[in-house]
C-alpha atoms as a PDB file:
ATOM      1  CA  MET A   1    -179.292 -75.017   9.685  1.00  0.00           C
ATOM      2  CA  THR A   2    -176.559 -77.112  11.335  1.00  0.00           C
ATOM      3  CA  LYS A   3    -173.264 -75.509  12.389  1.00  0.00           C
ATOM      4  CA  PHE A   4    -171.437 -77.368   9.624  1.00  0.00           C
ATOM      5  CA  LYS A   5    -173.830 -76.086   6.962  1.00  0.00           C
ATOM      6  CA  ALA A   6    -173.603 -72.594   8.440  1.00  0.00           C
ATOM      7  CA  TRP A   7    -169.804 -72.582   8.081  1.00  0.00           C
ATOM      8  CA  LEU A   8    -170.064 -73.967   4.529  1.00  0.00           C
ATOM      9  CA  SER A   9    -172.500 -71.176   3.723  1.00  0.00           C
ATOM     10  CA  ALA A  10    -170.167 -68.578   5.251  1.00  0.00           C
ATOM     11  CA  ALA A  11    -167.264 -69.965   3.189  1.00  0.00           C
ATOM     12  CA  ARG A  12    -169.313 -69.193   0.029  1.00  0.00           C
ATOM     13  CA  LEU A  13    -168.212 -72.180  -1.989  1.00  0.00           C
ATOM     14  CA  ARG A  14    -169.411 -70.650  -5.246  1.00  0.00           C
ATOM     15  CA  THR A  15    -166.603 -68.081  -5.037  1.00  0.00           C
ATOM     16  CA  LEU A  16    -163.824 -70.676  -4.815  1.00  0.00           C
ATOM     17  CA  PRO A  17    -163.478 -71.667  -8.531  1.00  0.00           C
ATOM     18  CA  LEU A  18    -162.947 -68.001  -9.424  1.00  0.00           C
ATOM     19  CA  SER A  19    -160.266 -67.578  -6.753  1.00  0.00           C
ATOM     20  CA  VAL A  20    -158.062 -70.383  -8.160  1.00  0.00           C
ATOM     21  CA  SER A  21    -158.328 -69.231 -11.784  1.00  0.00           C
ATOM     22  CA  GLY A  22    -155.175 -67.129 -11.517  1.00  0.00           C
ATOM     23  CA  ILE A  23    -153.217 -70.023 -10.004  1.00  0.00           C
ATOM     24  CA  ILE A  24    -154.260 -72.300 -12.873  1.00  0.00           C
ATOM     25  CA  VAL A  25    -153.196 -69.736 -15.489  1.00  0.00           C
ATOM     26  CA  GLY A  26    -149.926 -68.842 -13.761  1.00  0.00           C
ATOM     27  CA  SER A  27    -149.013 -72.506 -13.271  1.00  0.00           C
ATOM     28  CA  ALA A  28    -149.685 -73.369 -16.919  1.00  0.00           C
ATOM     29  CA  LEU A  29    -147.518 -70.481 -18.086  1.00  0.00           C
ATOM     30  CA  GLY A  30    -144.802 -71.531 -15.676  1.00  0.00           C
ATOM     31  CA  GLN A  31    -144.949 -75.133 -16.887  1.00  0.00           C
ATOM     32  CA  ARG A  32    -144.812 -74.009 -20.525  1.00  0.00           C
ATOM     33  CA  PHE A  33    -141.715 -71.914 -19.849  1.00  0.00           C
ATOM     34  CA  TYR A  34    -140.178 -74.739 -17.845  1.00  0.00           C
ATOM     35  CA  LEU A  35    -140.592 -77.233 -20.684  1.00  0.00           C
ATOM     36  CA  GLU A  36    -139.495 -74.829 -23.433  1.00  0.00           C
ATOM     37  CA  SER A  37    -136.401 -73.697 -21.529  1.00  0.00           C
ATOM     38  CA  GLY A  38    -135.162 -77.157 -20.609  1.00  0.00           C
ATOM     39  CA  LEU A  39    -134.835 -76.252 -16.943  1.00  0.00           C
ATOM     40  CA  SER A  40    -135.076 -79.915 -15.991  1.00  0.00           C
ATOM     41  CA  SER A  41    -131.291 -80.008 -16.213  1.00  0.00           C
ATOM     42  CA  GLU A  42    -130.986 -77.602 -13.298  1.00  0.00           C
ATOM     43  CA  THR A  43    -130.495 -79.197  -9.918  1.00  0.00           C
ATOM     44  CA  SER A  44    -130.365 -76.581  -7.175  1.00  0.00           C
ATOM     45  CA  SER A  45    -133.720 -76.034  -5.459  1.00  0.00           C
ATOM     46  CA  LEU A  46    -135.462 -78.497  -7.768  1.00  0.00           C
ATOM     47  CA  SER A  47    -133.527 -81.525  -6.597  1.00  0.00           C
ATOM     48  CA  LEU A  48    -133.508 -80.305  -3.012  1.00  0.00           C
ATOM     49  CA  CYS A  49    -137.279 -80.078  -2.822  1.00  0.00           C
ATOM     50  CA  CYS A  50    -138.308 -83.113  -4.810  1.00  0.00           C
ATOM     51  CA  ALA A  51    -135.398 -85.539  -4.846  1.00  0.00           C
ATOM     52  CA  GLY A  52    -134.586 -84.917  -8.509  1.00  0.00           C
ATOM     53  CA  CYS A  53    -138.177 -85.128  -9.776  1.00  0.00           C
ATOM     54  CA  PRO A  54    -139.083 -81.769 -11.363  1.00  0.00           C
ATOM     55  CA  GLN A  55    -142.611 -82.838 -12.298  1.00  0.00           C
ATOM     56  CA  PHE A  56    -143.453 -83.682  -8.695  1.00  0.00           C
ATOM     57  CA  TYR A  57    -141.830 -80.442  -7.619  1.00  0.00           C
ATOM     58  CA  HIS A  58    -144.100 -78.490  -9.902  1.00  0.00           C
ATOM     59  CA  THR A  59    -147.162 -80.435  -8.853  1.00  0.00           C
ATOM     60  CA  LEU A  60    -146.392 -79.718  -5.204  1.00  0.00           C
ATOM     61  CA  ILE A  61    -146.048 -75.988  -5.892  1.00  0.00           C
ATOM     62  CA  PHE A  62    -149.359 -76.019  -7.740  1.00  0.00           C
ATOM     63  CA  TRP A  63    -151.352 -77.664  -4.943  1.00  0.00           C
ATOM     64  CA  LEU A  64    -149.778 -75.554  -2.219  1.00  0.00           C
ATOM     65  CA  ALA A  65    -150.597 -72.426  -4.242  1.00  0.00           C
ATOM     66  CA  ILE A  66    -154.187 -73.668  -4.659  1.00  0.00           C
ATOM     67  CA  ALA A  67    -154.468 -74.330  -0.907  1.00  0.00           C
ATOM     68  CA  THR A  68    -153.080 -70.881  -0.053  1.00  0.00           C
ATOM     69  CA  THR A  69    -155.431 -69.122  -2.454  1.00  0.00           C
ATOM     70  CA  LEU A  70    -158.476 -71.046  -1.230  1.00  0.00           C
ATOM     71  CA  GLY A  71    -157.491 -70.106   2.310  1.00  0.00           C
ATOM     72  CA  LEU A  72    -157.300 -66.433   1.349  1.00  0.00           C
ATOM     73  CA  GLN A  73    -160.690 -66.539  -0.372  1.00  0.00           C
ATOM     74  CA  ILE A  74    -162.409 -68.283   2.534  1.00  0.00           C
ATOM     75  CA  LEU A  75    -160.711 -65.887   4.959  1.00  0.00           C
ATOM     76  CA  SER A  76    -161.991 -62.962   2.901  1.00  0.00           C
ATOM     77  CA  ASN A  77    -165.502 -64.415   2.908  1.00  0.00           C
ATOM     78  CA  PHE A  78    -165.500 -64.939   6.689  1.00  0.00           C
ATOM     79  CA  ALA A  79    -164.133 -61.419   7.249  1.00  0.00           C
ATOM     80  CA  ASN A  80    -166.730 -59.968   4.884  1.00  0.00           C
ATOM     81  CA  ASP A  81    -169.511 -61.785   6.743  1.00  0.00           C
ATOM     82  CA  TYR A  82    -168.149 -60.512  10.069  1.00  0.00           C
ATOM     83  CA  GLY A  83    -167.436 -56.933   8.955  1.00  0.00           C
ATOM     84  CA  ASP A  84    -170.758 -56.337   7.213  1.00  0.00           C
ATOM     85  CA  GLY A  85    -172.620 -58.104  10.035  1.00  0.00           C
ATOM     86  CA  VAL A  86    -171.051 -56.008  12.802  1.00  0.00           C
ATOM     87  CA  LYS A  87    -171.507 -52.770  10.863  1.00  0.00           C
ATOM     88  CA  GLY A  88    -175.158 -53.591  10.129  1.00  0.00           C
ATOM     89  CA  THR A  89    -174.667 -53.546   6.359  1.00  0.00           C
ATOM     90  CA  ASP A  90    -176.165 -57.039   6.117  1.00  0.00           C
ATOM     91  CA  ASN A  91    -179.768 -56.221   7.019  1.00  0.00           C
ATOM     92  CA  LYS A  92    -183.317 -56.748   5.788  1.00  0.00           C
ATOM     93  CA  ASP A  93    -182.642 -54.524   2.760  1.00  0.00           C
ATOM     94  CA  ARG A  94    -179.915 -56.836   1.458  1.00  0.00           C
ATOM     95  CA  VAL A  95    -180.806 -58.599  -1.819  1.00  0.00           C
ATOM     96  CA  GLY A  96    -178.331 -61.501  -1.912  1.00  0.00           C
ATOM     97  CA  PRO A  97    -178.220 -64.665   0.202  1.00  0.00           C
ATOM     98  CA  GLN A  98    -178.551 -64.160   3.960  1.00  0.00           C
ATOM     99  CA  ARG A  99    -175.191 -64.223   5.727  1.00  0.00           C
ATOM    100  CA  ALA A 100    -174.240 -66.430   8.677  1.00  0.00           C
ATOM    101  CA  LEU A 101    -173.757 -63.622  11.211  1.00  0.00           C
ATOM    102  CA  GLN A 102    -176.837 -61.790   9.977  1.00  0.00           C
ATOM    103  CA  SER A 103    -179.026 -64.888  10.410  1.00  0.00           C
ATOM    104  CA  GLY A 104    -177.575 -65.783  13.800  1.00  0.00           C
ATOM    105  CA  ALA A 105    -176.348 -69.186  12.560  1.00  0.00           C
ATOM    106  CA  ILE A 106    -172.831 -68.229  13.717  1.00  0.00           C
ATOM    107  CA  THR A 107    -172.133 -65.902  16.634  1.00  0.00           C
ATOM    108  CA  LYS A 108    -169.912 -62.830  16.441  1.00  0.00           C
ATOM    109  CA  GLN A 109    -167.266 -64.490  18.649  1.00  0.00           C
ATOM    110  CA  GLY A 110    -167.523 -67.744  16.695  1.00  0.00           C
ATOM    111  CA  MET A 111    -166.941 -65.972  13.378  1.00  0.00           C
ATOM    112  CA  PHE A 112    -163.991 -64.021  14.796  1.00  0.00           C
ATOM    113  CA  THR A 113    -162.430 -67.269  16.018  1.00  0.00           C
ATOM    114  CA  GLY A 114    -162.995 -68.785  12.570  1.00  0.00           C
ATOM    115  CA  ILE A 115    -161.202 -65.822  10.981  1.00  0.00           C
ATOM    116  CA  VAL A 116    -158.161 -66.230  13.262  1.00  0.00           C
ATOM    117  CA  ILE A 117    -157.929 -69.997  12.647  1.00  0.00           C
ATOM    118  CA  THR A 118    -158.321 -69.599   8.878  1.00  0.00           C
ATOM    119  CA  ALA A 119    -155.656 -66.864   8.812  1.00  0.00           C
ATOM    120  CA  LEU A 120    -153.187 -69.099  10.671  1.00  0.00           C
ATOM    121  CA  ILE A 121    -153.860 -72.102   8.402  1.00  0.00           C
ATOM    122  CA  THR A 122    -153.486 -69.923   5.307  1.00  0.00           C
ATOM    123  CA  LEU A 123    -150.216 -68.492   6.625  1.00  0.00           C
ATOM    124  CA  ALA A 124    -148.935 -72.035   7.245  1.00  0.00           C
ATOM    125  CA  PHE A 125    -149.749 -73.006   3.655  1.00  0.00           C
ATOM    126  CA  ALA A 126    -148.047 -69.840   2.369  1.00  0.00           C
ATOM    127  CA  ILE A 127    -144.857 -70.474   4.349  1.00  0.00           C
ATOM    128  CA  THR A 128    -144.731 -74.078   3.136  1.00  0.00           C
ATOM    129  CA  LEU A 129    -145.249 -72.916  -0.452  1.00  0.00           C
ATOM    130  CA  ILE A 130    -142.415 -70.403  -0.116  1.00  0.00           C
ATOM    131  CA  TYR A 131    -140.039 -73.002   1.311  1.00  0.00           C
ATOM    132  CA  VAL A 132    -140.849 -75.597  -1.354  1.00  0.00           C
ATOM    133  CA  SER A 133    -140.458 -72.993  -4.105  1.00  0.00           C
ATOM    134  CA  PHE A 134    -137.245 -71.305  -2.980  1.00  0.00           C
ATOM    135  CA  GLY A 135    -135.628 -73.616  -0.433  1.00  0.00           C
ATOM    136  CA  LYS A 136    -132.746 -72.085   1.520  1.00  0.00           C
ATOM    137  CA  GLU A 137    -130.872 -70.695  -1.462  1.00  0.00           C
ATOM    138  CA  ASN A 138    -133.152 -67.772  -2.378  1.00  0.00           C
ATOM    139  CA  PHE A 139    -133.507 -65.839   0.876  1.00  0.00           C
ATOM    140  CA  PHE A 140    -134.495 -62.553  -0.759  1.00  0.00           C
ATOM    141  CA  TYR A 141    -137.284 -64.180  -2.766  1.00  0.00           C
ATOM    142  CA  SER A 142    -138.505 -65.977   0.351  1.00  0.00           C
ATOM    143  CA  VAL A 143    -138.686 -62.756   2.361  1.00  0.00           C
ATOM    144  CA  PHE A 144    -140.418 -60.907  -0.471  1.00  0.00           C
ATOM    145  CA  PHE A 145    -143.088 -63.588  -0.915  1.00  0.00           C
ATOM    146  CA  PHE A 146    -143.551 -63.873   2.855  1.00  0.00           C
ATOM    147  CA  ILE A 147    -144.294 -60.130   3.032  1.00  0.00           C
ATOM    148  CA  LEU A 148    -146.569 -60.509   0.006  1.00  0.00           C
ATOM    149  CA  GLY A 149    -148.397 -63.355   1.757  1.00  0.00           C
ATOM    150  CA  LEU A 150    -148.871 -61.290   4.918  1.00  0.00           C
ATOM    151  CA  ALA A 151    -150.159 -58.395   2.815  1.00  0.00           C
ATOM    152  CA  ALA A 152    -152.680 -60.718   1.113  1.00  0.00           C
ATOM    153  CA  ILE A 153    -153.933 -61.966   4.494  1.00  0.00           C
ATOM    154  CA  VAL A 154    -154.289 -58.418   5.836  1.00  0.00           C
ATOM    155  CA  ALA A 155    -156.068 -57.361   2.625  1.00  0.00           C
ATOM    156  CA  ALA A 156    -158.493 -60.292   2.922  1.00  0.00           C
ATOM    157  CA  ILE A 157    -159.364 -59.285   6.488  1.00  0.00           C
ATOM    158  CA  LYS A 158    -159.470 -55.501   6.044  1.00  0.00           C
ATOM    159  CA  TYR A 159    -161.935 -55.543   3.141  1.00  0.00           C
ATOM    160  CA  THR A 160    -164.859 -54.924   5.488  1.00  0.00           C
ATOM    161  CA  MET A 161    -163.422 -55.321   8.995  1.00  0.00           C
ATOM    162  CA  GLY A 162    -162.336 -52.377  11.138  1.00  0.00           C
ATOM    163  CA  ASN A 163    -162.832 -48.625  10.939  1.00  0.00           C
ATOM    164  CA  SER A 164    -160.487 -48.321   7.956  1.00  0.00           C
ATOM    165  CA  ALA A 165    -162.105 -51.098   5.888  1.00  0.00           C
ATOM    166  CA  TYR A 166    -161.136 -50.327   2.285  1.00  0.00           C
ATOM    167  CA  GLY A 167    -164.273 -51.981   0.880  1.00  0.00           C
ATOM    168  CA  TYR A 168    -166.258 -49.115   2.416  1.00  0.00           C
ATOM    169  CA  ARG A 169    -164.137 -46.557   0.567  1.00  0.00           C
ATOM    170  CA  GLY A 170    -164.512 -47.902  -2.971  1.00  0.00           C
ATOM    171  CA  LEU A 171    -161.119 -49.627  -3.072  1.00  0.00           C
ATOM    172  CA  GLY A 172    -162.293 -53.234  -3.189  1.00  0.00           C
ATOM    173  CA  ASP A 173    -161.915 -53.392  -6.964  1.00  0.00           C
ATOM    174  CA  VAL A 174    -158.261 -52.339  -6.784  1.00  0.00           C
ATOM    175  CA  PHE A 175    -157.329 -55.007  -4.252  1.00  0.00           C
ATOM    176  CA  VAL A 176    -159.206 -57.774  -6.076  1.00  0.00           C
ATOM    177  CA  PHE A 177    -157.486 -56.848  -9.335  1.00  0.00           C
ATOM    178  CA  ILE A 178    -154.041 -56.831  -7.708  1.00  0.00           C
ATOM    179  CA  PHE A 179    -154.230 -59.937  -5.518  1.00  0.00           C
ATOM    180  CA  PHE A 180    -156.533 -62.238  -7.504  1.00  0.00           C
ATOM    181  CA  GLY A 181    -155.163 -61.099 -10.863  1.00  0.00           C
ATOM    182  CA  LEU A 182    -151.611 -59.850 -11.026  1.00  0.00           C
ATOM    183  CA  VAL A 183    -150.250 -61.424  -7.835  1.00  0.00           C
ATOM    184  CA  SER A 184    -152.025 -64.715  -8.465  1.00  0.00           C
ATOM    185  CA  VAL A 185    -150.926 -65.169 -12.095  1.00  0.00           C
ATOM    186  CA  VAL A 186    -147.536 -63.432 -12.163  1.00  0.00           C
ATOM    187  CA  GLY A 187    -146.639 -64.585  -8.656  1.00  0.00           C
ATOM    188  CA  CYS A 188    -147.427 -68.219  -9.408  1.00  0.00           C
ATOM    189  CA  TYR A 189    -145.488 -68.022 -12.657  1.00  0.00           C
ATOM    190  CA  PHE A 190    -142.488 -66.712 -10.734  1.00  0.00           C
ATOM    191  CA  LEU A 191    -142.744 -69.562  -8.199  1.00  0.00           C
ATOM    192  CA  PHE A 192    -142.223 -71.985 -11.088  1.00  0.00           C
ATOM    193  CA  THR A 193    -139.600 -70.155 -13.107  1.00  0.00           C
ATOM    194  CA  LYS A 194    -137.783 -67.759 -10.751  1.00  0.00           C
ATOM    195  CA  ASN A 195    -138.006 -65.312 -13.659  1.00  0.00           C
ATOM    196  CA  LEU A 196    -140.229 -62.386 -14.535  1.00  0.00           C
ATOM    197  CA  ASN A 197    -141.764 -62.218 -18.015  1.00  0.00           C
ATOM    198  CA  LEU A 198    -143.690 -59.031 -18.785  1.00  0.00           C
ATOM    199  CA  LEU A 199    -145.962 -60.896 -21.213  1.00  0.00           C
ATOM    200  CA  VAL A 200    -147.402 -62.845 -18.277  1.00  0.00           C
ATOM    201  CA  PHE A 201    -148.949 -59.613 -17.006  1.00  0.00           C
ATOM    202  CA  LEU A 202    -151.429 -59.721 -19.921  1.00  0.00           C
ATOM    203  CA  PRO A 203    -153.328 -62.860 -18.782  1.00  0.00           C
ATOM    204  CA  GLY A 204    -152.844 -61.558 -15.225  1.00  0.00           C
ATOM    205  CA  ILE A 205    -154.754 -58.428 -16.211  1.00  0.00           C
ATOM    206  CA  THR A 206    -157.473 -60.597 -17.759  1.00  0.00           C
ATOM    207  CA  ILE A 207    -158.038 -62.706 -14.648  1.00  0.00           C
ATOM    208  CA  GLY A 208    -157.819 -59.628 -12.440  1.00  0.00           C
ATOM    209  CA  LEU A 209    -160.408 -57.691 -14.432  1.00  0.00           C
ATOM    210  CA  LEU A 210    -162.824 -60.623 -14.654  1.00  0.00           C
ATOM    211  CA  SER A 211    -162.522 -61.135 -10.894  1.00  0.00           C
ATOM    212  CA  THR A 212    -163.197 -57.422 -10.452  1.00  0.00           C
ATOM    213  CA  ALA A 213    -166.260 -57.784 -12.689  1.00  0.00           C
ATOM    214  CA  VAL A 214    -167.712 -60.344 -10.255  1.00  0.00           C
ATOM    215  CA  LEU A 215    -167.208 -57.918  -7.348  1.00  0.00           C
ATOM    216  CA  ASN A 216    -168.735 -55.118  -9.410  1.00  0.00           C
ATOM    217  CA  LEU A 217    -171.806 -57.262 -10.120  1.00  0.00           C
ATOM    218  CA  ASN A 218    -172.115 -57.966  -6.399  1.00  0.00           C
ATOM    219  CA  ASN A 219    -171.927 -54.251  -5.649  1.00  0.00           C
ATOM    220  CA  MET A 220    -174.400 -53.399  -8.422  1.00  0.00           C
ATOM    221  CA  ARG A 221    -176.844 -55.895  -6.934  1.00  0.00           C
ATOM    222  CA  ASP A 222    -176.387 -54.411  -3.437  1.00  0.00           C
ATOM    223  CA  HIS A 223    -176.248 -50.796  -4.613  1.00  0.00           C
ATOM    224  CA  ASN A 224    -179.349 -49.584  -2.764  1.00  0.00           C
ATOM    225  CA  SER A 225    -178.709 -51.397   0.518  1.00  0.00           C
ATOM    226  CA  ASP A 226    -175.014 -50.440   0.518  1.00  0.00           C
ATOM    227  CA  LYS A 227    -175.895 -46.783  -0.062  1.00  0.00           C
ATOM    228  CA  LYS A 228    -178.338 -46.808   2.853  1.00  0.00           C
ATOM    229  CA  ALA A 229    -175.779 -48.500   5.125  1.00  0.00           C
ATOM    230  CA  GLY A 230    -172.992 -46.062   4.203  1.00  0.00           C
ATOM    231  CA  LYS A 231    -170.896 -48.653   2.407  1.00  0.00           C
ATOM    232  CA  ASN A 232    -169.334 -46.498  -0.297  1.00  0.00           C
ATOM    233  CA  THR A 233    -168.383 -49.108  -2.857  1.00  0.00           C
ATOM    234  CA  LEU A 234    -167.192 -47.975  -6.272  1.00  0.00           C
ATOM    235  CA  VAL A 235    -170.723 -48.561  -7.572  1.00  0.00           C
ATOM    236  CA  VAL A 236    -172.150 -46.231  -4.906  1.00  0.00           C
ATOM    237  CA  LYS A 237    -169.536 -43.620  -5.798  1.00  0.00           C
ATOM    238  CA  LEU A 238    -170.103 -43.903  -9.558  1.00  0.00           C
ATOM    239  CA  GLY A 239    -173.843 -44.418  -9.610  1.00  0.00           C
ATOM    240  CA  ILE A 240    -175.554 -47.408 -11.187  1.00  0.00           C
ATOM    241  CA  GLN A 241    -175.418 -46.187 -14.804  1.00  0.00           C
ATOM    242  CA  LYS A 242    -171.696 -45.409 -14.788  1.00  0.00           C
ATOM    243  CA  ALA A 243    -171.126 -48.702 -12.956  1.00  0.00           C
ATOM    244  CA  ARG A 244    -172.714 -50.506 -15.915  1.00  0.00           C
ATOM    245  CA  THR A 245    -170.373 -48.721 -18.326  1.00  0.00           C
ATOM    246  CA  TYR A 246    -167.470 -49.598 -16.055  1.00  0.00           C
ATOM    247  CA  HIS A 247    -168.601 -53.234 -16.028  1.00  0.00           C
ATOM    248  CA  PHE A 248    -168.690 -53.446 -19.822  1.00  0.00           C
ATOM    249  CA  SER A 249    -165.292 -51.751 -20.041  1.00  0.00           C
ATOM    250  CA  ILE A 250    -163.432 -54.093 -17.699  1.00  0.00           C
ATOM    251  CA  ILE A 251    -164.762 -57.231 -19.393  1.00  0.00           C
ATOM    252  CA  VAL A 252    -163.919 -55.932 -22.868  1.00  0.00           C
ATOM    253  CA  VAL A 253    -160.410 -54.904 -21.740  1.00  0.00           C
ATOM    254  CA  ALA A 254    -159.998 -58.346 -20.130  1.00  0.00           C
ATOM    255  CA  MET A 255    -160.759 -59.968 -23.484  1.00  0.00           C
ATOM    256  CA  ILE A 256    -158.417 -57.648 -25.377  1.00  0.00           C
ATOM    257  CA  SER A 257    -155.591 -58.287 -22.921  1.00  0.00           C
ATOM    258  CA  ILE A 258    -155.600 -62.066 -23.306  1.00  0.00           C
ATOM    259  CA  LEU A 259    -156.025 -61.733 -27.079  1.00  0.00           C
ATOM    260  CA  ALA A 260    -152.914 -59.519 -27.109  1.00  0.00           C
ATOM    261  CA  PHE A 261    -151.008 -62.232 -25.249  1.00  0.00           C
ATOM    262  CA  SER A 262    -152.103 -64.824 -27.821  1.00  0.00           C
ATOM    263  CA  TYR A 263    -151.121 -62.561 -30.698  1.00  0.00           C
ATOM    264  CA  LEU A 264    -147.616 -62.146 -29.247  1.00  0.00           C
ATOM    265  CA  THR A 265    -147.065 -65.808 -28.319  1.00  0.00           C
ATOM    266  CA  TYR A 266    -149.182 -67.744 -30.848  1.00  0.00           C
ATOM    267  CA  GLU A 267    -147.848 -71.148 -31.902  1.00  0.00           C
ATOM    268  CA  THR A 268    -150.827 -73.470 -32.511  1.00  0.00           C
ATOM    269  CA  PRO A 269    -154.650 -73.200 -32.661  1.00  0.00           C
ATOM    270  CA  MET A 270    -154.744 -74.738 -29.176  1.00  0.00           C
ATOM    271  CA  ASN A 271    -153.360 -71.445 -27.854  1.00  0.00           C
ATOM    272  CA  VAL A 272    -156.729 -69.787 -28.487  1.00  0.00           C
ATOM    273  CA  LEU A 273    -158.935 -72.590 -27.175  1.00  0.00           C
ATOM    274  CA  TYR A 274    -160.054 -70.186 -24.421  1.00  0.00           C
ATOM    275  CA  LEU A 275    -162.112 -68.231 -27.003  1.00  0.00           C
ATOM    276  CA  ILE A 276    -164.932 -70.666 -26.196  1.00  0.00           C
ATOM    277  CA  ALA A 277    -165.231 -68.958 -22.803  1.00  0.00           C
ATOM    278  CA  PHE A 278    -165.914 -65.635 -24.538  1.00  0.00           C
ATOM    279  CA  ILE A 279    -169.356 -66.927 -25.552  1.00  0.00           C
ATOM    280  CA  PRO A 280    -170.928 -66.969 -22.047  1.00  0.00           C
ATOM    281  CA  LEU A 281    -169.186 -63.675 -21.248  1.00  0.00           C
ATOM    282  CA  LEU A 282    -170.735 -61.997 -24.310  1.00  0.00           C
ATOM    283  CA  ILE A 283    -174.137 -63.461 -23.428  1.00  0.00           C
ATOM    284  CA  HIS A 284    -173.638 -62.049 -19.933  1.00  0.00           C
ATOM    285  CA  LEU A 285    -172.985 -58.560 -21.302  1.00  0.00           C
ATOM    286  CA  ILE A 286    -176.219 -58.737 -23.281  1.00  0.00           C
ATOM    287  CA  LYS A 287    -178.066 -59.816 -20.115  1.00  0.00           C
ATOM    288  CA  VAL A 288    -176.642 -56.908 -18.132  1.00  0.00           C
ATOM    289  CA  ALA A 289    -177.609 -54.469 -20.884  1.00  0.00           C
ATOM    290  CA  LYS A 290    -181.204 -55.738 -20.879  1.00  0.00           C
ATOM    291  CA  THR A 291    -181.612 -55.955 -17.086  1.00  0.00           C
ATOM    292  CA  LYS A 292    -182.694 -52.540 -15.844  1.00  0.00           C
ATOM    293  CA  ASN A 293    -183.164 -53.611 -12.219  1.00  0.00           C
ATOM    294  CA  SER A 294    -179.664 -54.275 -10.889  1.00  0.00           C
ATOM    295  CA  GLU A 295    -181.074 -56.317  -8.005  1.00  0.00           C
ATOM    296  CA  LEU A 296    -181.906 -59.040 -10.541  1.00  0.00           C
ATOM    297  CA  LEU A 297    -178.236 -59.492 -11.467  1.00  0.00           C
ATOM    298  CA  ASP A 298    -177.459 -61.951  -8.654  1.00  0.00           C
ATOM    299  CA  PRO A 299    -177.500 -65.059 -10.957  1.00  0.00           C
ATOM    300  CA  GLU A 300    -174.934 -63.355 -13.201  1.00  0.00           C
ATOM    301  CA  LEU A 301    -172.276 -63.482 -10.466  1.00  0.00           C
ATOM    302  CA  LYS A 302    -172.082 -67.256 -10.726  1.00  0.00           C
ATOM    303  CA  LYS A 303    -172.056 -67.127 -14.532  1.00  0.00           C
ATOM    304  CA  VAL A 304    -169.104 -64.717 -14.731  1.00  0.00           C
ATOM    305  CA  ALA A 305    -167.205 -66.599 -12.018  1.00  0.00           C
ATOM    306  CA  LEU A 306    -167.644 -69.937 -13.798  1.00  0.00           C
ATOM    307  CA  SER A 307    -166.860 -68.364 -17.183  1.00  0.00           C
ATOM    308  CA  THR A 308    -163.588 -67.069 -15.748  1.00  0.00           C
ATOM    309  CA  PHE A 309    -162.801 -70.506 -14.341  1.00  0.00           C
ATOM    310  CA  LEU A 310    -163.610 -72.071 -17.738  1.00  0.00           C
ATOM    311  CA  LEU A 311    -161.363 -69.543 -19.470  1.00  0.00           C
ATOM    312  CA  SER A 312    -158.502 -70.386 -17.092  1.00  0.00           C
ATOM    313  CA  ILE A 313    -158.881 -74.127 -17.757  1.00  0.00           C
ATOM    314  CA  LEU A 314    -159.055 -73.749 -21.536  1.00  0.00           C
ATOM    315  CA  PHE A 315    -156.216 -71.215 -21.603  1.00  0.00           C
ATOM    316  CA  SER A 316    -154.056 -73.559 -19.523  1.00  0.00           C
ATOM    317  CA  LEU A 317    -154.754 -76.537 -21.768  1.00  0.00           C
ATOM    318  CA  GLY A 318    -153.768 -74.382 -24.734  1.00  0.00           C
ATOM    319  CA  GLN A 319    -150.455 -73.533 -23.086  1.00  0.00           C
ATOM    320  CA  ILE A 320    -149.507 -77.067 -22.054  1.00  0.00           C
ATOM    321  CA  PHE A 321    -150.585 -79.030 -25.153  1.00  0.00           C
END
């Protein structure tokens, strides 16, 4: 394996569509509010950042938010590779794909350097996003989102790195739900609108829970090896049977949450276009119910991740059109 392929493998490209799902949903909701509220007549930070072109302004926010989120996901993947590799969690008992540090394709020092560089690039994207969104007029918002960005970077790194790694204490699900669900959707919506709408939390809960479901599948697959290595994920704490019940619960609640949003904001049939994405999710639940050996669930990670990405695309189209 070449160095380039090793770094691509460590970046875990299959996780990237899931990571941007919240940005897509939050941006669509922000654009819908923007159009319905007639904010194009406002001139403050909009005209400052995009020379009087609100559409370009919004497009720029979207792509900077995408870049920041991709940076956070890749950073998390590098840190996870490093943390589990150093702690010996990634060993011969591991079921999933072999990791870069585990295989020797990337050295310990090389991976650490990659983590530092990725963190700095991600921080640069986050600062640029904050400036484009708030300009110089909204200092409080800028400071708040800067602290939020730093917290996201620290959370991405501390998942498995260090003695206090929260992924080893069963808290990974909480952080995924918060940062890739609520912060991603509600935060992106706020970047567009400078307003907080409680209804936006409903699709935020959906994306957060579906993202958590992917992590739970990963931990169900690695249940035995994690238990041996002392990695006390939520699955290890609950046991595999309760983890299955938990998995069904979070996906069902995710569906109910977005349905509640549609019920409260319904205007046209396009608003429920995302129901198509429920089909692969329901098929997935049947697969999980029938698969007794949790180590065989690895292919389901990709299916849930792509189903979540599909849901975000269809939901967004239903909001904009």
